[in-house]
């Protein structure tokens, strides 16, 4: 995972309602469960952690994130929760967990064939791993990002970007080998945004970050303008003058049924 420059919680939270909706939908599939120990992996500024706190007010909830800035915002919002600065691929719970919640975070890690079994091992019997990941690398927003980056490849050498997700069948096999019962589904969200600048701004706090962080001020501005020009061709204004951003997301809920 690339942690060269810290995340910006204010930038990320500009679209907080849209970013939190998938976490709410994921939570709906597990909110009926009892839980006393919960981990929120890649908790960011705490918007997903807050959902968990509202649902399981008496549980011990630990948010894990590598970003000091994101955790500072989370601690400010949720002082009664525990937050740990760590790479969630390396972090280990100190006791078995009833729920591991990961909203829009695991997609940044590679080797899911290794990561998912490691997470499942940290669950108590009948514990649940609940995961939501953007599955949008083939959408115009990201294909055009890669096209733009190809024009700047001499200045973007070594930039670490998000790896593609494994196929659904691979996740299914990983979960079955680990002795789980699993639900897997995919939902496409359509976000109404003012213009293509909002699309670029949306990804400026996530997928676009590695490219922008690698460039100096003038180059960064030129790269951003190049990306915007490509977006205008792919996302024309709709009848109300706004643009529609399609963002597919993959959901996985796995219950540990064997030790």
C-alpha atoms as a PDB file:
ATOM      1  CA  UNK A   1       0.000   0.000   0.000  1.00  0.00           C
ATOM      2  CA  UNK A   2       1.234   3.494  -0.856  1.00  0.00           C
ATOM      3  CA  UNK A   3       1.359   5.875   2.090  1.00  0.00           C
ATOM      4  CA  UNK A   4       3.714   8.508   0.658  1.00  0.00           C
ATOM      5  CA  UNK A   5       1.428  11.456   1.358  1.00  0.00           C
ATOM      6  CA  UNK A   6      -1.335  11.687   3.920  1.00  0.00           C
ATOM      7  CA  UNK A   7      -5.010  11.723   3.014  1.00  0.00           C
ATOM      8  CA  UNK A   8      -7.118  14.860   3.296  1.00  0.00           C
ATOM      9  CA  UNK A   9     -10.224  14.245   5.432  1.00  0.00           C
ATOM     10  CA  UNK A  10     -11.893  17.521   4.394  1.00  0.00           C
ATOM     11  CA  UNK A  11     -11.502  16.617   0.721  1.00  0.00           C
ATOM     12  CA  UNK A  12     -12.752  13.072   1.315  1.00  0.00           C
ATOM     13  CA  UNK A  13     -15.762  14.253   3.341  1.00  0.00           C
ATOM     14  CA  UNK A  14     -16.966  16.631   0.643  1.00  0.00           C
ATOM     15  CA  UNK A  15     -19.058  13.726  -0.660  1.00  0.00           C
ATOM     16  CA  UNK A  16     -19.633  12.122   2.726  1.00  0.00           C
ATOM     17  CA  UNK A  17     -23.304  11.230   2.184  1.00  0.00           C
ATOM     18  CA  UNK A  18     -22.549   9.516  -1.125  1.00  0.00           C
ATOM     19  CA  UNK A  19     -19.534   7.705   0.340  1.00  0.00           C
ATOM     20  CA  UNK A  20     -21.475   6.562   3.395  1.00  0.00           C
ATOM     21  CA  UNK A  21     -24.471   5.146   1.508  1.00  0.00           C
ATOM     22  CA  UNK A  22     -22.694   1.878   0.523  1.00  0.00           C
ATOM     23  CA  UNK A  23     -21.530   1.447   4.135  1.00  0.00           C
ATOM     24  CA  UNK A  24     -25.154   1.819   5.261  1.00  0.00           C
ATOM     25  CA  UNK A  25     -26.248  -0.774   2.712  1.00  0.00           C
ATOM     26  CA  UNK A  26     -23.520  -3.172   3.860  1.00  0.00           C
ATOM     27  CA  UNK A  27     -24.470  -2.640   7.495  1.00  0.00           C
ATOM     28  CA  UNK A  28     -28.096  -3.483   6.723  1.00  0.00           C
ATOM     29  CA  UNK A  29     -27.028  -7.074   6.049  1.00  0.00           C
ATOM     30  CA  UNK A  30     -25.436  -7.557   9.468  1.00  0.00           C
ATOM     31  CA  UNK A  31     -27.113  -5.086  11.847  1.00  0.00           C
ATOM     32  CA  UNK A  32     -29.301  -7.856  13.344  1.00  0.00           C
ATOM     33  CA  UNK A  33     -26.241  -9.616  14.805  1.00  0.00           C
ATOM     34  CA  UNK A  34     -24.926  -9.390  18.319  1.00  0.00           C
ATOM     35  CA  UNK A  35     -21.435  -7.977  18.588  1.00  0.00           C
ATOM     36  CA  UNK A  36     -19.176  -6.906  21.445  1.00  0.00           C
ATOM     37  CA  UNK A  37     -15.863  -6.548  19.587  1.00  0.00           C
ATOM     38  CA  UNK A  38     -15.716  -4.843  16.181  1.00  0.00           C
ATOM     39  CA  UNK A  39     -12.914  -3.597  13.933  1.00  0.00           C
ATOM     40  CA  UNK A  40     -13.415  -1.005  11.197  1.00  0.00           C
ATOM     41  CA  UNK A  41     -10.529  -1.446   8.757  1.00  0.00           C
ATOM     42  CA  UNK A  42      -9.559   1.608   6.743  1.00  0.00           C
ATOM     43  CA  UNK A  43     -11.932   3.648   8.882  1.00  0.00           C
ATOM     44  CA  UNK A  44     -10.840   6.987   7.387  1.00  0.00           C
ATOM     45  CA  UNK A  45     -12.433   9.989   9.106  1.00  0.00           C
ATOM     46  CA  UNK A  46     -14.865   7.750  10.995  1.00  0.00           C
ATOM     47  CA  UNK A  47     -18.021   7.992   8.878  1.00  0.00           C
ATOM     48  CA  UNK A  48     -18.342   4.192   8.752  1.00  0.00           C
ATOM     49  CA  UNK A  49     -17.244   3.838  12.394  1.00  0.00           C
ATOM     50  CA  UNK A  50     -20.069   6.150  13.415  1.00  0.00           C
ATOM     51  CA  UNK A  51     -22.588   3.816  11.763  1.00  0.00           C
ATOM     52  CA  UNK A  52     -21.155   0.900  13.719  1.00  0.00           C
ATOM     53  CA  UNK A  53     -21.280   2.876  16.964  1.00  0.00           C
ATOM     54  CA  UNK A  54     -24.945   3.770  16.452  1.00  0.00           C
ATOM     55  CA  UNK A  55     -25.816   0.122  15.805  1.00  0.00           C
ATOM     56  CA  UNK A  56     -23.725  -1.468  18.574  1.00  0.00           C
ATOM     57  CA  UNK A  57     -23.487   1.284  21.182  1.00  0.00           C
ATOM     58  CA  UNK A  58     -22.072  -1.003  23.881  1.00  0.00           C
ATOM     59  CA  UNK A  59     -19.470  -2.737  21.704  1.00  0.00           C
ATOM     60  CA  UNK A  60     -15.740  -2.135  21.801  1.00  0.00           C
ATOM     61  CA  UNK A  61     -15.063  -0.639  18.379  1.00  0.00           C
ATOM     62  CA  UNK A  62     -11.557  -0.178  16.987  1.00  0.00           C
ATOM     63  CA  UNK A  63     -10.950   1.898  13.868  1.00  0.00           C
ATOM     64  CA  UNK A  64      -7.735   1.138  11.968  1.00  0.00           C
ATOM     65  CA  UNK A  65      -6.211   3.451   9.374  1.00  0.00           C
ATOM     66  CA  UNK A  66      -2.707   4.444   8.227  1.00  0.00           C
ATOM     67  CA  UNK A  67      -3.584   8.141   7.886  1.00  0.00           C
ATOM     68  CA  UNK A  68      -2.841  10.357  10.883  1.00  0.00           C
ATOM     69  CA  UNK A  69      -5.020  13.125   9.450  1.00  0.00           C
ATOM     70  CA  UNK A  70      -7.978  10.820   8.928  1.00  0.00           C
ATOM     71  CA  UNK A  71      -7.623   9.384  12.434  1.00  0.00           C
ATOM     72  CA  UNK A  72      -7.427  12.851  13.984  1.00  0.00           C
ATOM     73  CA  UNK A  73     -10.803  13.658  12.422  1.00  0.00           C
ATOM     74  CA  UNK A  74     -12.228  10.300  13.540  1.00  0.00           C
ATOM     75  CA  UNK A  75     -11.066  10.798  17.141  1.00  0.00           C
ATOM     76  CA  UNK A  76     -12.556  14.290  17.165  1.00  0.00           C
ATOM     77  CA  UNK A  77     -15.923  12.943  16.015  1.00  0.00           C
ATOM     78  CA  UNK A  78     -15.924   9.697  18.027  1.00  0.00           C
ATOM     79  CA  UNK A  79     -13.841  10.154  21.211  1.00  0.00           C
ATOM     80  CA  UNK A  80     -15.440   7.087  22.809  1.00  0.00           C
ATOM     81  CA  UNK A  81     -14.076   4.736  20.116  1.00  0.00           C
ATOM     82  CA  UNK A  82     -10.538   3.405  19.919  1.00  0.00           C
ATOM     83  CA  UNK A  83      -8.459   4.320  16.879  1.00  0.00           C
ATOM     84  CA  UNK A  84      -5.148   2.768  15.840  1.00  0.00           C
ATOM     85  CA  UNK A  85      -2.730   4.085  13.239  1.00  0.00           C
ATOM     86  CA  UNK A  86      -1.605   1.013  11.315  1.00  0.00           C
ATOM     87  CA  UNK A  87      -1.639  -0.684   7.946  1.00  0.00           C
ATOM     88  CA  UNK A  88      -4.724  -2.882   8.182  1.00  0.00           C
ATOM     89  CA  UNK A  89      -2.963  -5.606   6.186  1.00  0.00           C
ATOM     90  CA  UNK A  90      -0.503  -5.970   9.084  1.00  0.00           C
ATOM     91  CA  UNK A  91      -2.688  -5.086  12.071  1.00  0.00           C
ATOM     92  CA  UNK A  92      -3.898  -7.950  14.259  1.00  0.00           C
ATOM     93  CA  UNK A  93      -6.685  -7.860  16.830  1.00  0.00           C
ATOM     94  CA  UNK A  94      -5.647  -8.725  20.391  1.00  0.00           C
ATOM     95  CA  UNK A  95      -8.755 -10.919  20.859  1.00  0.00           C
ATOM     96  CA  UNK A  96     -11.241 -12.588  18.498  1.00  0.00           C
ATOM     97  CA  UNK A  97     -13.632 -10.182  16.777  1.00  0.00           C
ATOM     98  CA  UNK A  98     -17.357 -10.538  16.194  1.00  0.00           C
ATOM     99  CA  UNK A  99     -17.346  -8.249  13.154  1.00  0.00           C
ATOM    100  CA  UNK A 100     -14.659  -6.996  10.806  1.00  0.00           C
ATOM    101  CA  UNK A 101     -16.084  -4.145   8.749  1.00  0.00           C
ATOM    102  CA  UNK A 102     -14.195  -2.825   5.725  1.00  0.00           C
ATOM    103  CA  UNK A 103     -15.921  -0.110   3.717  1.00  0.00           C
ATOM    104  CA  UNK A 104     -14.076   1.004   0.559  1.00  0.00           C
ATOM    105  CA  UNK A 105     -10.655   0.062   1.915  1.00  0.00           C
ATOM    106  CA  UNK A 106      -9.533  -3.470   1.032  1.00  0.00           C
ATOM    107  CA  UNK A 107      -9.360  -2.602  -2.681  1.00  0.00           C
ATOM    108  CA  UNK A 108      -6.115  -0.729  -1.922  1.00  0.00           C
ATOM    109  CA  UNK A 109      -4.406  -3.945  -0.810  1.00  0.00           C
ATOM    110  CA  UNK A 110      -3.065  -6.668  -3.067  1.00  0.00           C
ATOM    111  CA  UNK A 111      -2.941 -10.441  -2.454  1.00  0.00           C
ATOM    112  CA  UNK A 112      -6.540 -10.842  -1.335  1.00  0.00           C
ATOM    113  CA  UNK A 113      -5.925 -14.582  -1.430  1.00  0.00           C
ATOM    114  CA  UNK A 114      -3.660 -13.998   1.574  1.00  0.00           C
ATOM    115  CA  UNK A 115      -5.446 -11.026   3.168  1.00  0.00           C
ATOM    116  CA  UNK A 116      -8.932 -12.505   3.417  1.00  0.00           C
ATOM    117  CA  UNK A 117      -7.834 -15.694   5.240  1.00  0.00           C
ATOM    118  CA  UNK A 118      -5.788 -13.509   7.633  1.00  0.00           C
ATOM    119  CA  UNK A 119      -8.867 -11.454   8.428  1.00  0.00           C
ATOM    120  CA  UNK A 120     -11.096 -14.492   8.826  1.00  0.00           C
ATOM    121  CA  UNK A 121      -8.618 -16.011  11.280  1.00  0.00           C
ATOM    122  CA  UNK A 122      -9.200 -13.027  13.561  1.00  0.00           C
ATOM    123  CA  UNK A 123     -12.945 -13.677  13.816  1.00  0.00           C
ATOM    124  CA  UNK A 124     -14.639 -15.436  16.698  1.00  0.00           C
ATOM    125  CA  UNK A 125     -16.812 -18.465  15.808  1.00  0.00           C
ATOM    126  CA  UNK A 126     -19.851 -17.202  13.854  1.00  0.00           C
ATOM    127  CA  UNK A 127     -18.025 -13.888  13.366  1.00  0.00           C
ATOM    128  CA  UNK A 128     -18.638 -11.875  10.216  1.00  0.00           C
ATOM    129  CA  UNK A 129     -16.367 -10.235   7.670  1.00  0.00           C
ATOM    130  CA  UNK A 130     -18.334  -7.466   5.910  1.00  0.00           C
ATOM    131  CA  UNK A 131     -16.619  -5.858   2.926  1.00  0.00           C
ATOM    132  CA  UNK A 132     -17.548  -3.255   0.314  1.00  0.00           C
ATOM    133  CA  UNK A 133     -15.120  -2.299  -2.450  1.00  0.00           C
ATOM    134  CA  UNK A 134     -15.409  -0.028  -5.482  1.00  0.00           C
ATOM    135  CA  UNK A 135     -15.267  -2.212  -8.597  1.00  0.00           C
ATOM    136  CA  UNK A 136     -14.917   0.591 -11.122  1.00  0.00           C
ATOM    137  CA  UNK A 137     -11.515   0.210 -12.769  1.00  0.00           C
ATOM    138  CA  UNK A 138     -13.211  -0.425 -16.128  1.00  0.00           C
ATOM    139  CA  UNK A 139     -15.478   2.622 -15.863  1.00  0.00           C
ATOM    140  CA  UNK A 140     -14.631   5.673 -18.041  1.00  0.00           C
ATOM    141  CA  UNK A 141     -13.569   7.592 -14.920  1.00  0.00           C
ATOM    142  CA  UNK A 142     -10.676   5.185 -14.375  1.00  0.00           C
ATOM    143  CA  UNK A 143      -9.925   4.182 -17.949  1.00  0.00           C
ATOM    144  CA  UNK A 144      -9.459   7.874 -18.762  1.00  0.00           C
ATOM    145  CA  UNK A 145      -7.319   8.288 -15.665  1.00  0.00           C
ATOM    146  CA  UNK A 146      -4.984   5.611 -17.016  1.00  0.00           C
ATOM    147  CA  UNK A 147      -5.033   7.184 -20.492  1.00  0.00           C
ATOM    148  CA  UNK A 148      -4.049  10.525 -19.007  1.00  0.00           C
ATOM    149  CA  UNK A 149      -1.301   8.921 -16.935  1.00  0.00           C
ATOM    150  CA  UNK A 150       0.092   7.255 -20.069  1.00  0.00           C
ATOM    151  CA  UNK A 151       0.757  10.725 -21.492  1.00  0.00           C
ATOM    152  CA  UNK A 152       2.753  11.570 -18.371  1.00  0.00           C
ATOM    153  CA  UNK A 153       4.505   8.227 -17.932  1.00  0.00           C
ATOM    154  CA  UNK A 154       7.981   9.779 -17.871  1.00  0.00           C
ATOM    155  CA  UNK A 155       7.034  11.662 -14.690  1.00  0.00           C
ATOM    156  CA  UNK A 156       4.922   8.931 -13.117  1.00  0.00           C
ATOM    157  CA  UNK A 157       7.438   6.094 -12.984  1.00  0.00           C
ATOM    158  CA  UNK A 158       6.864   3.864  -9.998  1.00  0.00           C
ATOM    159  CA  UNK A 159       3.484   5.327  -9.047  1.00  0.00           C
ATOM    160  CA  UNK A 160       1.556   2.706  -7.093  1.00  0.00           C
ATOM    161  CA  UNK A 161      -2.088   2.564  -8.108  1.00  0.00           C
ATOM    162  CA  UNK A 162      -4.999   0.382  -7.101  1.00  0.00           C
ATOM    163  CA  UNK A 163      -4.745  -3.246  -8.271  1.00  0.00           C
ATOM    164  CA  UNK A 164      -7.709  -4.867 -10.043  1.00  0.00           C
ATOM    165  CA  UNK A 165     -10.028  -6.934  -7.885  1.00  0.00           C
ATOM    166  CA  UNK A 166      -9.960 -10.716  -8.209  1.00  0.00           C
ATOM    167  CA  UNK A 167     -12.913 -12.363  -9.948  1.00  0.00           C
ATOM    168  CA  UNK A 168     -15.989 -13.067  -7.838  1.00  0.00           C
ATOM    169  CA  UNK A 169     -15.402 -16.816  -8.248  1.00  0.00           C
ATOM    170  CA  UNK A 170     -11.955 -16.387  -6.675  1.00  0.00           C
ATOM    171  CA  UNK A 171     -13.454 -14.669  -3.630  1.00  0.00           C
ATOM    172  CA  UNK A 172     -16.014 -17.444  -3.369  1.00  0.00           C
ATOM    173  CA  UNK A 173     -13.306 -20.121  -3.400  1.00  0.00           C
ATOM    174  CA  UNK A 174     -11.234 -18.237  -0.795  1.00  0.00           C
ATOM    175  CA  UNK A 175     -14.234 -18.026   1.530  1.00  0.00           C
ATOM    176  CA  UNK A 176     -15.285 -21.651   1.023  1.00  0.00           C
ATOM    177  CA  UNK A 177     -11.750 -22.900   1.755  1.00  0.00           C
ATOM    178  CA  UNK A 178     -11.810 -20.862   4.958  1.00  0.00           C
ATOM    179  CA  UNK A 179     -14.998 -22.574   6.099  1.00  0.00           C
ATOM    180  CA  UNK A 180     -17.392 -19.669   5.590  1.00  0.00           C
ATOM    181  CA  UNK A 181     -20.952 -19.092   4.529  1.00  0.00           C
ATOM    182  CA  UNK A 182     -20.924 -16.201   2.063  1.00  0.00           C
ATOM    183  CA  UNK A 183     -23.089 -13.667   0.281  1.00  0.00           C
ATOM    184  CA  UNK A 184     -21.563 -11.794  -2.651  1.00  0.00           C
ATOM    185  CA  UNK A 185     -23.330  -9.164  -4.712  1.00  0.00           C
ATOM    186  CA  UNK A 186     -22.618  -6.171  -6.910  1.00  0.00           C
ATOM    187  CA  UNK A 187     -24.513  -2.872  -6.946  1.00  0.00           C
ATOM    188  CA  UNK A 188     -24.102   0.032  -9.355  1.00  0.00           C
ATOM    189  CA  UNK A 189     -24.637   3.422  -7.710  1.00  0.00           C
ATOM    190  CA  UNK A 190     -25.465   6.416  -9.882  1.00  0.00           C
ATOM    191  CA  UNK A 191     -24.283   9.647  -8.334  1.00  0.00           C
ATOM    192  CA  UNK A 192     -25.689  12.961  -9.580  1.00  0.00           C
ATOM    193  CA  UNK A 193     -22.899  15.531  -9.660  1.00  0.00           C
ATOM    194  CA  UNK A 194     -22.835  19.157 -10.787  1.00  0.00           C
ATOM    195  CA  UNK A 195     -20.269  18.694 -13.550  1.00  0.00           C
ATOM    196  CA  UNK A 196     -17.173  16.713 -14.521  1.00  0.00           C
ATOM    197  CA  UNK A 197     -15.075  18.822 -12.159  1.00  0.00           C
ATOM    198  CA  UNK A 198     -16.982  17.103  -9.345  1.00  0.00           C
ATOM    199  CA  UNK A 199     -16.055  13.703 -10.785  1.00  0.00           C
ATOM    200  CA  UNK A 200     -12.388  14.680 -10.820  1.00  0.00           C
ATOM    201  CA  UNK A 201     -12.728  16.104  -7.317  1.00  0.00           C
ATOM    202  CA  UNK A 202     -14.389  12.905  -6.098  1.00  0.00           C
ATOM    203  CA  UNK A 203     -11.454  10.783  -7.233  1.00  0.00           C
ATOM    204  CA  UNK A 204      -8.928  13.469  -6.339  1.00  0.00           C
ATOM    205  CA  UNK A 205      -9.170  12.276  -2.747  1.00  0.00           C
ATOM    206  CA  UNK A 206      -8.840   8.571  -3.658  1.00  0.00           C
ATOM    207  CA  UNK A 207      -7.857   6.976  -6.992  1.00  0.00           C
ATOM    208  CA  UNK A 208      -6.333  10.131  -8.497  1.00  0.00           C
ATOM    209  CA  UNK A 209      -4.135  10.790  -5.449  1.00  0.00           C
ATOM    210  CA  UNK A 210      -1.111   8.671  -6.451  1.00  0.00           C
ATOM    211  CA  UNK A 211      -0.829  10.486  -9.790  1.00  0.00           C
ATOM    212  CA  UNK A 212      -1.320  13.975  -8.371  1.00  0.00           C
ATOM    213  CA  UNK A 213       1.061  13.345  -5.464  1.00  0.00           C
ATOM    214  CA  UNK A 214       3.814  12.358  -7.910  1.00  0.00           C
ATOM    215  CA  UNK A 215       3.642  15.632  -9.839  1.00  0.00           C
ATOM    216  CA  UNK A 216       4.809  19.159  -9.020  1.00  0.00           C
ATOM    217  CA  UNK A 217       2.397  22.111  -8.929  1.00  0.00           C
ATOM    218  CA  UNK A 218       2.347  23.149 -12.631  1.00  0.00           C
ATOM    219  CA  UNK A 219       2.450  19.545 -13.843  1.00  0.00           C
ATOM    220  CA  UNK A 220      -0.258  18.572 -11.398  1.00  0.00           C
ATOM    221  CA  UNK A 221      -2.518  21.335 -12.713  1.00  0.00           C
ATOM    222  CA  UNK A 222      -1.836  20.342 -16.337  1.00  0.00           C
ATOM    223  CA  UNK A 223      -2.490  16.651 -15.599  1.00  0.00           C
ATOM    224  CA  UNK A 224      -5.762  17.558 -13.872  1.00  0.00           C
ATOM    225  CA  UNK A 225      -6.834  19.738 -16.828  1.00  0.00           C
ATOM    226  CA  UNK A 226      -6.002  16.923 -19.275  1.00  0.00           C
ATOM    227  CA  UNK A 227      -8.078  14.472 -17.231  1.00  0.00           C
ATOM    228  CA  UNK A 228     -10.989  16.945 -17.065  1.00  0.00           C
ATOM    229  CA  UNK A 229     -10.984  17.373 -20.832  1.00  0.00           C
ATOM    230  CA  UNK A 230     -11.266  13.607 -21.301  1.00  0.00           C
ATOM    231  CA  UNK A 231     -14.061  13.383 -18.722  1.00  0.00           C
ATOM    232  CA  UNK A 232     -16.103  15.992 -20.620  1.00  0.00           C
ATOM    233  CA  UNK A 233     -16.203  13.665 -23.631  1.00  0.00           C
ATOM    234  CA  UNK A 234     -17.336  10.657 -21.581  1.00  0.00           C
ATOM    235  CA  UNK A 235     -19.794  12.349 -19.207  1.00  0.00           C
ATOM    236  CA  UNK A 236     -21.974  14.823 -21.152  1.00  0.00           C
ATOM    237  CA  UNK A 237     -24.511  16.928 -19.241  1.00  0.00           C
ATOM    238  CA  UNK A 238     -27.904  15.289 -18.756  1.00  0.00           C
ATOM    239  CA  UNK A 239     -31.315  16.950 -19.198  1.00  0.00           C
ATOM    240  CA  UNK A 240     -30.909  18.993 -16.000  1.00  0.00           C
ATOM    241  CA  UNK A 241     -27.339  20.055 -16.821  1.00  0.00           C
ATOM    242  CA  UNK A 242     -25.794  17.677 -14.306  1.00  0.00           C
ATOM    243  CA  UNK A 243     -23.672  14.568 -14.910  1.00  0.00           C
ATOM    244  CA  UNK A 244     -24.199  10.965 -13.823  1.00  0.00           C
ATOM    245  CA  UNK A 245     -21.287   9.003 -12.368  1.00  0.00           C
ATOM    246  CA  UNK A 246     -21.836   5.244 -12.398  1.00  0.00           C
ATOM    247  CA  UNK A 247     -19.847   3.538  -9.650  1.00  0.00           C
ATOM    248  CA  UNK A 248     -20.130  -0.263  -9.341  1.00  0.00           C
ATOM    249  CA  UNK A 249     -19.367  -1.695  -5.903  1.00  0.00           C
ATOM    250  CA  UNK A 250     -18.711  -5.282  -4.827  1.00  0.00           C
ATOM    251  CA  UNK A 251     -20.150  -6.499  -1.498  1.00  0.00           C
ATOM    252  CA  UNK A 252     -19.028  -9.554   0.457  1.00  0.00           C
ATOM    253  CA  UNK A 253     -20.499 -10.793   3.740  1.00  0.00           C
ATOM    254  CA  UNK A 254     -18.822 -13.943   5.057  1.00  0.00           C
ATOM    255  CA  UNK A 255     -19.789 -15.762   8.247  1.00  0.00           C
ATOM    256  CA  UNK A 256     -17.179 -17.964   9.868  1.00  0.00           C
ATOM    257  CA  UNK A 257     -18.835 -21.348  10.346  1.00  0.00           C
ATOM    258  CA  UNK A 258     -15.798 -23.459  11.262  1.00  0.00           C
ATOM    259  CA  UNK A 259     -12.734 -22.932  13.470  1.00  0.00           C
END
